[in-house]
Amino acid sequence: MPREKRPAAEQEEAETRDLGSAPTTKSGEEVEVEKNEAGESFINLSEYRRVTVRTFKGKVLVDVREMYKDKSSGAMKPGNKGISLTREQWQILRSNADMVDELIAKAQE
């Protein structure tokens, strides 16, 4: 069954919300936004996974990537496993998050 689109005003408001406030999880926990050595903002998903927002060749990308700890410096560095989504792909993923949640629930049955 096709999903209904949000009204344009609501969609625009969601996209242009105040980025200065700290993001929160569904449980209401505040998520810490950090900056890496290159000045890019990121959020840790777990000890070795993070979401980074970066610009590459003039395009904004949402990078979900596994990290590893460099043995010599102890710094966290990006690994080979991960995916970079364009802004359009990120919006498609976000708009289908409820459907993904439903599929997860069905898979757990």
PDB file of N, CA and C in Angstrom:
ATOM      1  N   MET A   1       0.843  -1.165   0.000  1.00  0.00           N
ATOM      2  CA  MET A   1       0.000   0.000   0.000  1.00  0.00           C
ATOM      3  C   MET A   1       0.894   1.236   0.000  1.00  0.00           C
ATOM      4  N   PRO A   2       0.668   2.211  -0.889  1.00  0.00           N
ATOM      5  CA  PRO A   2       1.517   3.397  -0.943  1.00  0.00           C
ATOM      6  C   PRO A   2       1.350   4.247   0.313  1.00  0.00           C
ATOM      7  N   ARG A   3       2.468   4.800   0.738  1.00  0.00           N
ATOM      8  CA  ARG A   3       2.454   5.659   1.918  1.00  0.00           C
ATOM      9  C   ARG A   3       2.055   7.066   1.505  1.00  0.00           C
ATOM     10  N   GLU A   4       1.379   7.762   2.420  1.00  0.00           N
ATOM     11  CA  GLU A   4       1.002   9.141   2.144  1.00  0.00           C
ATOM     12  C   GLU A   4       2.193  10.049   2.376  1.00  0.00           C
ATOM     13  N   LYS A   5       2.343  11.032   1.507  1.00  0.00           N
ATOM     14  CA  LYS A   5       3.410  12.015   1.679  1.00  0.00           C
ATOM     15  C   LYS A   5       2.976  13.038   2.717  1.00  0.00           C
ATOM     16  N   ARG A   6       3.964  13.570   3.429  1.00  0.00           N
ATOM     17  CA  ARG A   6       3.673  14.642   4.373  1.00  0.00           C
ATOM     18  C   ARG A   6       3.361  15.908   3.585  1.00  0.00           C
ATOM     19  N   PRO A   7       2.533  16.781   4.152  1.00  0.00           N
ATOM     20  CA  PRO A   7       2.295  18.063   3.475  1.00  0.00           C
ATOM     21  C   PRO A   7       3.611  18.798   3.278  1.00  0.00           C
ATOM     22  N   ALA A   8       3.699  19.573   2.196  1.00  0.00           N
ATOM     23  CA  ALA A   8       4.948  20.251   1.839  1.00  0.00           C
ATOM     24  C   ALA A   8       5.459  21.138   2.966  1.00  0.00           C
ATOM     25  N   ALA A   9       4.567  21.852   3.642  1.00  0.00           N
ATOM     26  CA  ALA A   9       4.989  22.745   4.728  1.00  0.00           C
ATOM     27  C   ALA A   9       5.612  21.945   5.868  1.00  0.00           C
ATOM     28  N   GLU A  10       4.997  20.821   6.208  1.00  0.00           N
ATOM     29  CA  GLU A  10       5.525  19.971   7.282  1.00  0.00           C
ATOM     30  C   GLU A  10       6.874  19.377   6.885  1.00  0.00           C
ATOM     31  N   GLN A  11       7.002  18.955   5.630  1.00  0.00           N
ATOM     32  CA  GLN A  11       8.259  18.398   5.128  1.00  0.00           C
ATOM     33  C   GLN A  11       9.365  19.443   5.183  1.00  0.00           C
ATOM     34  N   GLU A  12       9.051  20.660   4.733  1.00  0.00           N
ATOM     35  CA  GLU A  12      10.051  21.726   4.730  1.00  0.00           C
ATOM     36  C   GLU A  12      10.473  22.076   6.150  1.00  0.00           C
ATOM     37  N   GLU A  13       9.512  22.105   7.063  1.00  0.00           N
ATOM     38  CA  GLU A  13       9.828  22.415   8.462  1.00  0.00           C
ATOM     39  C   GLU A  13      10.748  21.351   9.045  1.00  0.00           C
ATOM     40  N   ALA A  14      10.488  20.089   8.731  1.00  0.00           N
ATOM     41  CA  ALA A  14      11.328  19.001   9.233  1.00  0.00           C
ATOM     42  C   ALA A  14      12.743  19.105   8.684  1.00  0.00           C
ATOM     43  N   GLU A  15      12.875  19.514   7.432  1.00  0.00           N
ATOM     44  CA  GLU A  15      14.192  19.607   6.812  1.00  0.00           C
ATOM     45  C   GLU A  15      14.980  20.811   7.292  1.00  0.00           C
ATOM     46  N   THR A  16      14.284  21.858   7.701  1.00  0.00           N
ATOM     47  CA  THR A  16      14.979  23.082   8.094  1.00  0.00           C
ATOM     48  C   THR A  16      14.891  23.334   9.594  1.00  0.00           C
ATOM     49  N   ARG A  17      14.705  22.287  10.385  1.00  0.00           N
ATOM     50  CA  ARG A  17      14.608  22.466  11.836  1.00  0.00           C
ATOM     51  C   ARG A  17      15.910  23.047  12.371  1.00  0.00           C
ATOM     52  N   ASP A  18      15.849  23.583  13.550  1.00  0.00           N
ATOM     53  CA  ASP A  18      17.009  24.231  14.155  1.00  0.00           C
ATOM     54  C   ASP A  18      18.107  23.210  14.395  1.00  0.00           C
ATOM     55  N   LEU A  19      19.187  23.303  13.629  1.00  0.00           N
ATOM     56  CA  LEU A  19      20.292  22.371  13.776  1.00  0.00           C
ATOM     57  C   LEU A  19      21.178  22.719  14.958  1.00  0.00           C
ATOM     58  N   GLY A  20      20.937  23.851  15.602  1.00  0.00           N
ATOM     59  CA  GLY A  20      21.726  24.244  16.754  1.00  0.00           C
ATOM     60  C   GLY A  20      21.361  23.462  18.002  1.00  0.00           C
ATOM     61  N   SER A  21      20.161  22.922  18.074  1.00  0.00           N
ATOM     62  CA  SER A  21      19.764  22.155  19.244  1.00  0.00           C
ATOM     63  C   SER A  21      20.278  20.732  19.112  1.00  0.00           C
ATOM     64  N   ALA A  22      20.565  20.121  20.253  1.00  0.00           N
ATOM     65  CA  ALA A  22      21.110  18.765  20.249  1.00  0.00           C
ATOM     66  C   ALA A  22      20.041  17.781  19.808  1.00  0.00           C
ATOM     67  N   PRO A  23      20.374  16.852  18.908  1.00  0.00           N
ATOM     68  CA  PRO A  23      19.411  15.843  18.497  1.00  0.00           C
ATOM     69  C   PRO A  23      19.102  14.904  19.653  1.00  0.00           C
ATOM     70  N   THR A  24      17.929  14.284  19.609  1.00  0.00           N
ATOM     71  CA  THR A  24      17.562  13.323  20.640  1.00  0.00           C
ATOM     72  C   THR A  24      17.142  12.020  19.991  1.00  0.00           C
ATOM     73  N   THR A  25      17.245  10.932  20.764  1.00  0.00           N
ATOM     74  CA  THR A  25      16.791   9.635  20.295  1.00  0.00           C
ATOM     75  C   THR A  25      15.305   9.513  20.588  1.00  0.00           C
ATOM     76  N   LYS A  26      14.683   8.424  20.123  1.00  0.00           N
ATOM     77  CA  LYS A  26      13.267   8.213  20.393  1.00  0.00           C
ATOM     78  C   LYS A  26      13.002   8.088  21.886  1.00  0.00           C
ATOM     79  N   SER A  27      13.987   7.584  22.643  1.00  0.00           N
ATOM     80  CA  SER A  27      13.807   7.441  24.084  1.00  0.00           C
ATOM     81  C   SER A  27      14.051   8.755  24.808  1.00  0.00           C
ATOM     82  N   GLY A  28      14.391   9.817  24.072  1.00  0.00           N
ATOM     83  CA  GLY A  28      14.577  11.127  24.666  1.00  0.00           C
ATOM     84  C   GLY A  28      15.992  11.419  25.122  1.00  0.00           C
ATOM     85  N   GLU A  29      16.911  10.469  24.925  1.00  0.00           N
ATOM     86  CA  GLU A  29      18.299  10.696  25.313  1.00  0.00           C
ATOM     87  C   GLU A  29      18.926  11.707  24.356  1.00  0.00           C
ATOM     88  N   GLU A  30      19.737  12.594  24.900  1.00  0.00           N
ATOM     89  CA  GLU A  30      20.417  13.572  24.059  1.00  0.00           C
ATOM     90  C   GLU A  30      21.622  12.914  23.395  1.00  0.00           C
ATOM     91  N   VAL A  31      21.773  13.143  22.098  1.00  0.00           N
ATOM     92  CA  VAL A  31      22.875  12.584  21.331  1.00  0.00           C
ATOM     93  C   VAL A  31      23.966  13.643  21.233  1.00  0.00           C
ATOM     94  N   GLU A  32      25.202  13.236  21.473  1.00  0.00           N
ATOM     95  CA  GLU A  32      26.312  14.183  21.413  1.00  0.00           C
ATOM     96  C   GLU A  32      26.855  14.267  19.992  1.00  0.00           C
ATOM     97  N   VAL A  33      26.860  15.472  19.444  1.00  0.00           N
ATOM     98  CA  VAL A  33      27.436  15.711  18.123  1.00  0.00           C
ATOM     99  C   VAL A  33      28.874  16.154  18.342  1.00  0.00           C
ATOM    100  N   GLU A  34      29.806  15.422  17.724  1.00  0.00           N
ATOM    101  CA  GLU A  34      31.226  15.717  17.881  1.00  0.00           C
ATOM    102  C   GLU A  34      31.803  16.160  16.543  1.00  0.00           C
ATOM    103  N   LYS A  35      33.038  16.611  16.559  1.00  0.00           N
ATOM    104  CA  LYS A  35      33.746  16.997  15.328  1.00  0.00           C
ATOM    105  C   LYS A  35      35.020  16.177  15.237  1.00  0.00           C
ATOM    106  N   ASN A  36      35.340  15.721  14.011  1.00  0.00           N
ATOM    107  CA  ASN A  36      36.582  14.983  13.800  1.00  0.00           C
ATOM    108  C   ASN A  36      37.712  15.948  13.459  1.00  0.00           C
ATOM    109  N   GLU A  37      38.889  15.394  13.161  1.00  0.00           N
ATOM    110  CA  GLU A  37      40.072  16.211  12.868  1.00  0.00           C
ATOM    111  C   GLU A  37      39.862  17.124  11.662  1.00  0.00           C
ATOM    112  N   ALA A  38      39.022  16.690  10.718  1.00  0.00           N
ATOM    113  CA  ALA A  38      38.757  17.469   9.502  1.00  0.00           C
ATOM    114  C   ALA A  38      37.661  18.518   9.721  1.00  0.00           C
ATOM    115  N   GLY A  39      37.100  18.580  10.931  1.00  0.00           N
ATOM    116  CA  GLY A  39      36.051  19.544  11.228  1.00  0.00           C
ATOM    117  C   GLY A  39      34.661  19.091  10.830  1.00  0.00           C
ATOM    118  N   GLU A  40      34.501  17.809  10.477  1.00  0.00           N
ATOM    119  CA  GLU A  40      33.207  17.269  10.071  1.00  0.00           C
ATOM    120  C   GLU A  40      32.436  16.812  11.307  1.00  0.00           C
ATOM    121  N   SER A  41      31.126  17.066  11.323  1.00  0.00           N
ATOM    122  CA  SER A  41      30.281  16.658  12.440  1.00  0.00           C
ATOM    123  C   SER A  41      29.962  15.177  12.341  1.00  0.00           C
ATOM    124  N   PHE A  42      29.956  14.497  13.503  1.00  0.00           N
ATOM    125  CA  PHE A  42      29.588  13.085  13.514  1.00  0.00           C
ATOM    126  C   PHE A  42      28.874  12.722  14.799  1.00  0.00           C
ATOM    127  N   ILE A  43      28.138  11.604  14.728  1.00  0.00           N
ATOM    128  CA  ILE A  43      27.431  11.032  15.869  1.00  0.00           C
ATOM    129  C   ILE A  43      27.867   9.582  15.977  1.00  0.00           C
ATOM    130  N   ASN A  44      28.254   9.160  17.176  1.00  0.00           N
ATOM    131  CA  ASN A  44      28.621   7.763  17.397  1.00  0.00           C
ATOM    132  C   ASN A  44      27.367   6.917  17.523  1.00  0.00           C
ATOM    133  N   LEU A  45      27.308   5.833  16.755  1.00  0.00           N
ATOM    134  CA  LEU A  45      26.221   4.870  16.880  1.00  0.00           C
ATOM    135  C   LEU A  45      26.582   3.803  17.900  1.00  0.00           C
ATOM    136  N   SER A  46      27.850   3.453  17.941  1.00  0.00           N
ATOM    137  CA  SER A  46      28.406   2.519  18.914  1.00  0.00           C
ATOM    138  C   SER A  46      29.890   2.843  19.010  1.00  0.00           C
ATOM    139  N   GLU A  47      30.629   2.025  19.725  1.00  0.00           N
ATOM    140  CA  GLU A  47      32.050   2.317  19.908  1.00  0.00           C
ATOM    141  C   GLU A  47      32.802   2.393  18.582  1.00  0.00           C
ATOM    142  N   TYR A  48      32.442   1.525  17.634  1.00  0.00           N
ATOM    143  CA  TYR A  48      33.176   1.459  16.368  1.00  0.00           C
ATOM    144  C   TYR A  48      32.323   1.774  15.143  1.00  0.00           C
ATOM    145  N   ARG A  49      31.190   2.457  15.315  1.00  0.00           N
ATOM    146  CA  ARG A  49      30.366   2.883  14.179  1.00  0.00           C
ATOM    147  C   ARG A  49      29.927   4.316  14.395  1.00  0.00           C
ATOM    148  N   ARG A  50      29.939   5.078  13.295  1.00  0.00           N
ATOM    149  CA  ARG A  50      29.519   6.478  13.402  1.00  0.00           C
ATOM    150  C   ARG A  50      28.878   6.964  12.113  1.00  0.00           C
ATOM    151  N   VAL A  51      28.096   8.029  12.254  1.00  0.00           N
ATOM    152  CA  VAL A  51      27.482   8.721  11.125  1.00  0.00           C
ATOM    153  C   VAL A  51      28.166  10.079  11.032  1.00  0.00           C
ATOM    154  N   THR A  52      28.742  10.359   9.872  1.00  0.00           N
ATOM    155  CA  THR A  52      29.444  11.621   9.646  1.00  0.00           C
ATOM    156  C   THR A  52      28.777  12.361   8.496  1.00  0.00           C
ATOM    157  N   VAL A  53      28.602  13.666   8.649  1.00  0.00           N
ATOM    158  CA  VAL A  53      28.096  14.495   7.556  1.00  0.00           C
ATOM    159  C   VAL A  53      29.291  15.248   6.996  1.00  0.00           C
ATOM    160  N   ARG A  54      29.540  15.040   5.690  1.00  0.00           N
ATOM    161  CA  ARG A  54      30.712  15.653   5.066  1.00  0.00           C
ATOM    162  C   ARG A  54      30.376  16.156   3.675  1.00  0.00           C
ATOM    163  N   THR A  55      31.266  16.962   3.144  1.00  0.00           N
ATOM    164  CA  THR A  55      31.147  17.447   1.774  1.00  0.00           C
ATOM    165  C   THR A  55      32.275  16.830   0.964  1.00  0.00           C
ATOM    166  N   PHE A  56      31.916  16.239  -0.183  1.00  0.00           N
ATOM    167  CA  PHE A  56      32.899  15.627  -1.066  1.00  0.00           C
ATOM    168  C   PHE A  56      32.563  16.041  -2.489  1.00  0.00           C
ATOM    169  N   LYS A  57      33.517  16.684  -3.153  1.00  0.00           N
ATOM    170  CA  LYS A  57      33.330  17.180  -4.523  1.00  0.00           C
ATOM    171  C   LYS A  57      32.061  18.023  -4.645  1.00  0.00           C
ATOM    172  N   GLY A  58      31.835  18.860  -3.643  1.00  0.00           N
ATOM    173  CA  GLY A  58      30.707  19.775  -3.672  1.00  0.00           C
ATOM    174  C   GLY A  58      29.371  19.180  -3.281  1.00  0.00           C
ATOM    175  N   LYS A  59      29.323  17.897  -2.927  1.00  0.00           N
ATOM    176  CA  LYS A  59      28.075  17.255  -2.531  1.00  0.00           C
ATOM    177  C   LYS A  59      28.109  16.927  -1.048  1.00  0.00           C
ATOM    178  N   VAL A  60      26.981  17.157  -0.378  1.00  0.00           N
ATOM    179  CA  VAL A  60      26.856  16.794   1.028  1.00  0.00           C
ATOM    180  C   VAL A  60      26.522  15.311   1.091  1.00  0.00           C
ATOM    181  N   LEU A  61      27.280  14.571   1.905  1.00  0.00           N
ATOM    182  CA  LEU A  61      27.082  13.132   2.055  1.00  0.00           C
ATOM    183  C   LEU A  61      26.842  12.775   3.513  1.00  0.00           C
ATOM    184  N   VAL A  62      25.992  11.776   3.727  1.00  0.00           N
ATOM    185  CA  VAL A  62      25.797  11.179   5.045  1.00  0.00           C
ATOM    186  C   VAL A  62      26.537   9.854   4.996  1.00  0.00           C
ATOM    187  N   ASP A  63      27.592   9.756   5.782  1.00  0.00           N
ATOM    188  CA  ASP A  63      28.498   8.614   5.739  1.00  0.00           C
ATOM    189  C   ASP A  63      28.286   7.758   6.985  1.00  0.00           C
ATOM    190  N   VAL A  64      27.808   6.529   6.816  1.00  0.00           N
ATOM    191  CA  VAL A  64      27.640   5.580   7.914  1.00  0.00           C
ATOM    192  C   VAL A  64      28.771   4.575   7.758  1.00  0.00           C
ATOM    193  N   ARG A  65      29.663   4.517   8.744  1.00  0.00           N
ATOM    194  CA  ARG A  65      30.897   3.767   8.546  1.00  0.00           C
ATOM    195  C   ARG A  65      31.382   3.101   9.821  1.00  0.00           C
ATOM    196  N   GLU A  66      32.019   1.927   9.649  1.00  0.00           N
ATOM    197  CA  GLU A  66      32.740   1.282  10.739  1.00  0.00           C
ATOM    198  C   GLU A  66      34.079   1.977  10.894  1.00  0.00           C
ATOM    199  N   MET A  67      34.513   2.103  12.123  1.00  0.00           N
ATOM    200  CA  MET A  67      35.782   2.751  12.429  1.00  0.00           C
ATOM    201  C   MET A  67      36.711   1.719  13.070  1.00  0.00           C
ATOM    202  N   TYR A  68      37.999   2.023  13.077  1.00  0.00           N
ATOM    203  CA  TYR A  68      38.962   1.188  13.791  1.00  0.00           C
ATOM    204  C   TYR A  68      39.920   2.092  14.539  1.00  0.00           C
ATOM    205  N   LYS A  69      40.524   1.556  15.585  1.00  0.00           N
ATOM    206  CA  LYS A  69      41.471   2.333  16.375  1.00  0.00           C
ATOM    207  C   LYS A  69      42.864   2.073  15.838  1.00  0.00           C
ATOM    208  N   ASP A  70      43.532   3.134  15.376  1.00  0.00           N
ATOM    209  CA  ASP A  70      44.892   3.038  14.854  1.00  0.00           C
ATOM    210  C   ASP A  70      45.824   2.632  15.991  1.00  0.00           C
ATOM    211  N   LYS A  71      46.590   1.559  15.773  1.00  0.00           N
ATOM    212  CA  LYS A  71      47.456   1.035  16.834  1.00  0.00           C
ATOM    213  C   LYS A  71      48.566   1.999  17.217  1.00  0.00           C
ATOM    214  N   SER A  72      49.112   2.725  16.247  1.00  0.00           N
ATOM    215  CA  SER A  72      50.241   3.611  16.556  1.00  0.00           C
ATOM    216  C   SER A  72      49.803   4.914  17.225  1.00  0.00           C
ATOM    217  N   SER A  73      48.724   5.526  16.741  1.00  0.00           N
ATOM    218  CA  SER A  73      48.314   6.823  17.290  1.00  0.00           C
ATOM    219  C   SER A  73      47.154   6.726  18.276  1.00  0.00           C
ATOM    220  N   GLY A  74      46.402   5.629  18.213  1.00  0.00           N
ATOM    221  CA  GLY A  74      45.233   5.485  19.074  1.00  0.00           C
ATOM    222  C   GLY A  74      44.016   6.245  18.568  1.00  0.00           C
ATOM    223  N   ALA A  75      44.150   6.899  17.415  1.00  0.00           N
ATOM    224  CA  ALA A  75      43.045   7.675  16.842  1.00  0.00           C
ATOM    225  C   ALA A  75      42.059   6.754  16.132  1.00  0.00           C
ATOM    226  N   MET A  76      40.783   7.163  16.125  1.00  0.00           N
ATOM    227  CA  MET A  76      39.764   6.420  15.393  1.00  0.00           C
ATOM    228  C   MET A  76      39.847   6.821  13.926  1.00  0.00           C
ATOM    229  N   LYS A  77      39.915   5.814  13.052  1.00  0.00           N
ATOM    230  CA  LYS A  77      40.025   6.057  11.610  1.00  0.00           C
ATOM    231  C   LYS A  77      38.932   5.274  10.883  1.00  0.00           C
ATOM    232  N   PRO A  78      38.484   5.782   9.715  1.00  0.00           N
ATOM    233  CA  PRO A  78      37.426   5.092   8.974  1.00  0.00           C
ATOM    234  C   PRO A  78      37.921   3.790   8.371  1.00  0.00           C
ATOM    235  N   GLY A  79      37.080   2.765   8.467  1.00  0.00           N
ATOM    236  CA  GLY A  79      37.393   1.480   7.867  1.00  0.00           C
ATOM    237  C   GLY A  79      36.815   1.385   6.463  1.00  0.00           C
ATOM    238  N   ASN A  80      36.943   0.202   5.866  1.00  0.00           N
ATOM    239  CA  ASN A  80      36.443  -0.018   4.506  1.00  0.00           C
ATOM    240  C   ASN A  80      34.934  -0.216   4.459  1.00  0.00           C
ATOM    241  N   LYS A  81      34.358  -0.716   5.553  1.00  0.00           N
ATOM    242  CA  LYS A  81      32.935  -1.035   5.547  1.00  0.00           C
ATOM    243  C   LYS A  81      32.104   0.196   5.869  1.00  0.00           C
ATOM    244  N   GLY A  82      31.210   0.531   4.959  1.00  0.00           N
ATOM    245  CA  GLY A  82      30.336   1.669   5.178  1.00  0.00           C
ATOM    246  C   GLY A  82      29.653   2.079   3.896  1.00  0.00           C
ATOM    247  N   ILE A  83      28.833   3.105   4.012  1.00  0.00           N
ATOM    248  CA  ILE A  83      28.097   3.602   2.857  1.00  0.00           C
ATOM    249  C   ILE A  83      27.967   5.116   2.978  1.00  0.00           C
ATOM    250  N   SER A  84      28.061   5.798   1.852  1.00  0.00           N
ATOM    251  CA  SER A  84      27.839   7.241   1.792  1.00  0.00           C
ATOM    252  C   SER A  84      26.559   7.483   1.013  1.00  0.00           C
ATOM    253  N   LEU A  85      25.638   8.212   1.619  1.00  0.00           N
ATOM    254  CA  LEU A  85      24.364   8.521   0.987  1.00  0.00           C
ATOM    255  C   LEU A  85      24.325   9.996   0.613  1.00  0.00           C
ATOM    256  N   THR A  86      23.816  10.286  -0.586  1.00  0.00           N
ATOM    257  CA  THR A  86      23.591  11.680  -0.962  1.00  0.00           C
ATOM    258  C   THR A  86      22.425  12.207  -0.138  1.00  0.00           C
ATOM    259  N   ARG A  87      22.224  13.510  -0.181  1.00  0.00           N
ATOM    260  CA  ARG A  87      21.110  14.097   0.568  1.00  0.00           C
ATOM    261  C   ARG A  87      19.776  13.501   0.105  1.00  0.00           C
ATOM    262  N   GLU A  88      19.615  13.283  -1.193  1.00  0.00           N
ATOM    263  CA  GLU A  88      18.376  12.715  -1.724  1.00  0.00           C
ATOM    264  C   GLU A  88      18.172  11.291  -1.219  1.00  0.00           C
ATOM    265  N   GLN A  89      19.232  10.483  -1.231  1.00  0.00           N
ATOM    266  CA  GLN A  89      19.131   9.110  -0.742  1.00  0.00           C
ATOM    267  C   GLN A  89      18.816   9.097   0.752  1.00  0.00           C
ATOM    268  N   TRP A  90      19.434  10.006   1.504  1.00  0.00           N
ATOM    269  CA  TRP A  90      19.176  10.108   2.938  1.00  0.00           C
ATOM    270  C   TRP A  90      17.704  10.451   3.189  1.00  0.00           C
ATOM    271  N   GLN A  91      17.128  11.376   2.399  1.00  0.00           N
ATOM    272  CA  GLN A  91      15.724  11.744   2.559  1.00  0.00           C
ATOM    273  C   GLN A  91      14.809  10.554   2.258  1.00  0.00           C
ATOM    274  N   ILE A  92      15.149   9.767   1.237  1.00  0.00           N
ATOM    275  CA  ILE A  92      14.354   8.582   0.904  1.00  0.00           C
ATOM    276  C   ILE A  92      14.411   7.580   2.049  1.00  0.00           C
ATOM    277  N   LEU A  93      15.599   7.359   2.593  1.00  0.00           N
ATOM    278  CA  LEU A  93      15.744   6.440   3.723  1.00  0.00           C
ATOM    279  C   LEU A  93      14.924   6.923   4.912  1.00  0.00           C
ATOM    280  N   ARG A  94      15.032   8.201   5.245  1.00  0.00           N
ATOM    281  CA  ARG A  94      14.287   8.760   6.377  1.00  0.00           C
ATOM    282  C   ARG A  94      12.786   8.639   6.169  1.00  0.00           C
ATOM    283  N   SER A  95      12.314   8.912   4.963  1.00  0.00           N
ATOM    284  CA  SER A  95      10.874   8.875   4.720  1.00  0.00           C
ATOM    285  C   SER A  95      10.328   7.450   4.748  1.00  0.00           C
ATOM    286  N   ASN A  96      11.204   6.467   4.621  1.00  0.00           N
ATOM    287  CA  ASN A  96      10.774   5.072   4.664  1.00  0.00           C
ATOM    288  C   ASN A  96      11.160   4.372   5.963  1.00  0.00           C
ATOM    289  N   ALA A  97      11.557   5.130   6.979  1.00  0.00           N
ATOM    290  CA  ALA A  97      11.989   4.540   8.250  1.00  0.00           C
ATOM    291  C   ALA A  97      10.877   3.726   8.907  1.00  0.00           C
ATOM    292  N   ASP A  98       9.628   4.201   8.840  1.00  0.00           N
ATOM    293  CA  ASP A  98       8.525   3.455   9.443  1.00  0.00           C
ATOM    294  C   ASP A  98       8.342   2.103   8.758  1.00  0.00           C
ATOM    295  N   MET A  99       8.505   2.076   7.438  1.00  0.00           N
ATOM    296  CA  MET A  99       8.383   0.817   6.705  1.00  0.00           C
ATOM    297  C   MET A  99       9.500  -0.137   7.109  1.00  0.00           C
ATOM    298  N   VAL A 100      10.709   0.369   7.277  1.00  0.00           N
ATOM    299  CA  VAL A 100      11.831  -0.465   7.717  1.00  0.00           C
ATOM    300  C   VAL A 100      11.535  -1.020   9.105  1.00  0.00           C
ATOM    301  N   ASP A 101      10.976  -0.188   9.999  1.00  0.00           N
ATOM    302  CA  ASP A 101      10.605  -0.661  11.337  1.00  0.00           C
ATOM    303  C   ASP A 101       9.595  -1.800  11.255  1.00  0.00           C
ATOM    304  N   GLU A 102       8.616  -1.671  10.362  1.00  0.00           N
ATOM    305  CA  GLU A 102       7.622  -2.732  10.176  1.00  0.00           C
ATOM    306  C   GLU A 102       8.281  -4.013   9.675  1.00  0.00           C
ATOM    307  N   LEU A 103       9.206  -3.899   8.734  1.00  0.00           N
ATOM    308  CA  LEU A 103       9.900  -5.075   8.204  1.00  0.00           C
ATOM    309  C   LEU A 103      10.754  -5.740   9.276  1.00  0.00           C
ATOM    310  N   ILE A 104      11.366  -4.941  10.138  1.00  0.00           N
ATOM    311  CA  ILE A 104      12.146  -5.495  11.251  1.00  0.00           C
ATOM    312  C   ILE A 104      11.229  -6.269  12.189  1.00  0.00           C
ATOM    313  N   ALA A 105      10.070  -5.696  12.504  1.00  0.00           N
ATOM    314  CA  ALA A 105       9.118  -6.365  13.392  1.00  0.00           C
ATOM    315  C   ALA A 105       8.652  -7.687  12.791  1.00  0.00           C
ATOM    316  N   LYS A 106       8.379  -7.699  11.479  1.00  0.00           N
ATOM    317  CA  LYS A 106       7.959  -8.939  10.816  1.00  0.00           C
ATOM    318  C   LYS A 106       9.065  -9.980  10.840  1.00  0.00           C
ATOM    319  N   ALA A 107      10.302  -9.548  10.662  1.00  0.00           N
ATOM    320  CA  ALA A 107      11.432 -10.480  10.648  1.00  0.00           C
ATOM    321  C   ALA A 107      11.664 -11.095  12.020  1.00  0.00           C
ATOM    322  N   GLN A 108      11.273 -10.396  13.080  1.00  0.00           N
ATOM    323  CA  GLN A 108      11.473 -10.897  14.434  1.00  0.00           C
ATOM    324  C   GLN A 108      10.371 -11.847  14.875  1.00  0.00           C
ATOM    325  N   GLU A 109       9.297 -11.947  14.098  1.00  0.00           N
ATOM    326  CA  GLU A 109       8.170 -12.827  14.464  1.00  0.00           C
ATOM    327  C   GLU A 109       8.533 -14.278  14.325  1.00  0.00           C
TER     328      GLU A 109
END
